[in-house]
Amino acid sequence: MLGGSGEGASQFHKQYADYYRELVALLVHKRDVNRAFETLKRSRAQTLGRMLAGGDLQLHTGAPKALVEEERRLNTQISDLAADL
């Protein structure tokens, strides 16, 4: 992935996030709202991609313990069923 991983990716993102923000602001100023929106979406998608690739997401934060346990149980059941195939 562009920008590497770990600390290098974080520095890469910090460096280029400002450029994306400036580009979006410029496009809005020029009333090119469609391109501004597409640029913003691309920036956010890249950020999400880096988070997913780096395992930086904590999806269970704030989730009820019973729900997390149910997910684990179902994932185990899925794995067991897939192994039987």
C-alpha atoms as a PDB file:
ATOM      1  CA  MET A   1       0.000   0.000   0.000  1.00  0.00           C
ATOM      2  CA  LEU A   2       1.196   3.464  -0.797  1.00  0.00           C
ATOM      3  CA  GLY A   3       2.882   5.040   2.183  1.00  0.00           C
ATOM      4  CA  GLY A   4       4.011   1.767   3.759  1.00  0.00           C
ATOM      5  CA  SER A   5       2.768   0.544   7.086  1.00  0.00           C
ATOM      6  CA  GLY A   6       3.000   1.485  10.715  1.00  0.00           C
ATOM      7  CA  GLU A   7       4.798   4.708  11.595  1.00  0.00           C
ATOM      8  CA  GLY A   8       5.727   5.397   7.973  1.00  0.00           C
ATOM      9  CA  ALA A   9       2.108   5.203   6.855  1.00  0.00           C
ATOM     10  CA  SER A  10       1.032   7.475   9.692  1.00  0.00           C
ATOM     11  CA  GLN A  11       3.594  10.108   8.692  1.00  0.00           C
ATOM     12  CA  PHE A  12       2.582   9.720   5.042  1.00  0.00           C
ATOM     13  CA  HIS A  13      -1.069  10.296   5.923  1.00  0.00           C
ATOM     14  CA  LYS A  14      -0.322  13.311   8.113  1.00  0.00           C
ATOM     15  CA  GLN A  15       1.757  14.850   5.352  1.00  0.00           C
ATOM     16  CA  TYR A  16      -0.838  14.377   2.620  1.00  0.00           C
ATOM     17  CA  ALA A  17      -4.023  14.922   4.652  1.00  0.00           C
ATOM     18  CA  ASP A  18      -3.371  18.664   4.600  1.00  0.00           C
ATOM     19  CA  TYR A  19      -2.992  18.584   0.809  1.00  0.00           C
ATOM     20  CA  TYR A  20      -6.320  16.812   0.444  1.00  0.00           C
ATOM     21  CA  ARG A  21      -8.014  19.358   2.724  1.00  0.00           C
ATOM     22  CA  GLU A  22      -6.541  22.247   0.771  1.00  0.00           C
ATOM     23  CA  LEU A  23      -7.564  20.689  -2.535  1.00  0.00           C
ATOM     24  CA  VAL A  24     -11.122  20.156  -1.306  1.00  0.00           C
ATOM     25  CA  ALA A  25     -11.305  23.768  -0.082  1.00  0.00           C
ATOM     26  CA  LEU A  26      -9.978  25.040  -3.419  1.00  0.00           C
ATOM     27  CA  LEU A  27     -12.471  22.973  -5.402  1.00  0.00           C
ATOM     28  CA  VAL A  28     -15.344  24.211  -3.232  1.00  0.00           C
ATOM     29  CA  HIS A  29     -14.119  27.786  -3.672  1.00  0.00           C
ATOM     30  CA  LYS A  30     -14.131  27.207  -7.454  1.00  0.00           C
ATOM     31  CA  ARG A  31     -17.661  25.815  -7.076  1.00  0.00           C
ATOM     32  CA  ASP A  32     -16.546  22.417  -8.370  1.00  0.00           C
ATOM     33  CA  VAL A  33     -18.479  20.642  -5.643  1.00  0.00           C
ATOM     34  CA  ASN A  34     -18.606  17.276  -7.434  1.00  0.00           C
ATOM     35  CA  ARG A  35     -14.819  17.035  -7.690  1.00  0.00           C
ATOM     36  CA  ALA A  36     -14.462  18.299  -4.124  1.00  0.00           C
ATOM     37  CA  PHE A  37     -16.794  15.562  -2.907  1.00  0.00           C
ATOM     38  CA  GLU A  38     -14.981  12.886  -4.941  1.00  0.00           C
ATOM     39  CA  THR A  39     -11.628  14.065  -3.570  1.00  0.00           C
ATOM     40  CA  LEU A  40     -12.941  13.956  -0.024  1.00  0.00           C
ATOM     41  CA  LYS A  41     -14.370  10.456  -0.568  1.00  0.00           C
ATOM     42  CA  ARG A  42     -11.059   9.244  -2.010  1.00  0.00           C
ATOM     43  CA  SER A  43      -9.137  10.639   0.968  1.00  0.00           C
ATOM     44  CA  ARG A  44     -11.487   9.014   3.466  1.00  0.00           C
ATOM     45  CA  ALA A  45     -11.426   5.703   1.573  1.00  0.00           C
ATOM     46  CA  GLN A  46      -7.628   5.691   1.649  1.00  0.00           C
ATOM     47  CA  THR A  47      -7.672   6.376   5.383  1.00  0.00           C
ATOM     48  CA  LEU A  48     -10.145   3.553   5.987  1.00  0.00           C
ATOM     49  CA  GLY A  49      -8.069   1.219   3.809  1.00  0.00           C
ATOM     50  CA  ARG A  50      -4.964   1.985   5.853  1.00  0.00           C
ATOM     51  CA  MET A  51      -6.877   1.405   9.079  1.00  0.00           C
ATOM     52  CA  LEU A  52      -8.232  -1.933   7.865  1.00  0.00           C
ATOM     53  CA  ALA A  53      -4.850  -3.053   6.562  1.00  0.00           C
ATOM     54  CA  GLY A  54      -3.106  -2.034   9.757  1.00  0.00           C
ATOM     55  CA  GLY A  55      -5.658  -3.536  12.103  1.00  0.00           C
ATOM     56  CA  ASP A  56      -6.178  -0.140  13.741  1.00  0.00           C
ATOM     57  CA  LEU A  57      -9.946  -0.541  14.036  1.00  0.00           C
ATOM     58  CA  GLN A  58     -11.454  -1.487  17.370  1.00  0.00           C
ATOM     59  CA  LEU A  59     -14.874  -2.629  16.291  1.00  0.00           C
ATOM     60  CA  HIS A  60     -15.957  -3.928  19.681  1.00  0.00           C
ATOM     61  CA  THR A  61     -15.389  -0.727  21.641  1.00  0.00           C
ATOM     62  CA  GLY A  62     -18.595   0.092  23.472  1.00  0.00           C
ATOM     63  CA  ALA A  63     -20.403  -3.020  22.259  1.00  0.00           C
ATOM     64  CA  PRO A  64     -22.364  -5.020  24.835  1.00  0.00           C
ATOM     65  CA  LYS A  65     -20.323  -7.936  26.145  1.00  0.00           C
ATOM     66  CA  ALA A  66     -23.113 -10.393  25.295  1.00  0.00           C
ATOM     67  CA  LEU A  67     -23.071  -9.256  21.671  1.00  0.00           C
ATOM     68  CA  VAL A  68     -19.294  -9.657  21.416  1.00  0.00           C
ATOM     69  CA  GLU A  69     -19.528 -13.149  22.905  1.00  0.00           C
ATOM     70  CA  GLU A  70     -22.314 -14.052  20.469  1.00  0.00           C
ATOM     71  CA  GLU A  71     -20.153 -12.886  17.570  1.00  0.00           C
ATOM     72  CA  ARG A  72     -17.239 -15.015  18.784  1.00  0.00           C
ATOM     73  CA  ARG A  73     -19.518 -18.031  19.184  1.00  0.00           C
ATOM     74  CA  LEU A  74     -20.929 -17.591  15.680  1.00  0.00           C
ATOM     75  CA  ASN A  75     -17.466 -17.102  14.180  1.00  0.00           C
ATOM     76  CA  THR A  76     -16.336 -20.323  15.841  1.00  0.00           C
ATOM     77  CA  GLN A  77     -19.397 -22.105  14.502  1.00  0.00           C
ATOM     78  CA  ILE A  78     -18.713 -20.760  10.990  1.00  0.00           C
ATOM     79  CA  SER A  79     -15.092 -21.920  11.188  1.00  0.00           C
ATOM     80  CA  ASP A  80     -16.158 -25.375  12.353  1.00  0.00           C
ATOM     81  CA  LEU A  81     -18.693 -25.687   9.541  1.00  0.00           C
ATOM     82  CA  ALA A  82     -16.186 -24.486   6.943  1.00  0.00           C
ATOM     83  CA  ALA A  83     -13.656 -27.047   8.159  1.00  0.00           C
ATOM     84  CA  ASP A  84     -16.248 -29.809   7.657  1.00  0.00           C
ATOM     85  CA  LEU A  85     -16.700 -28.911   3.982  1.00  0.00           C
END
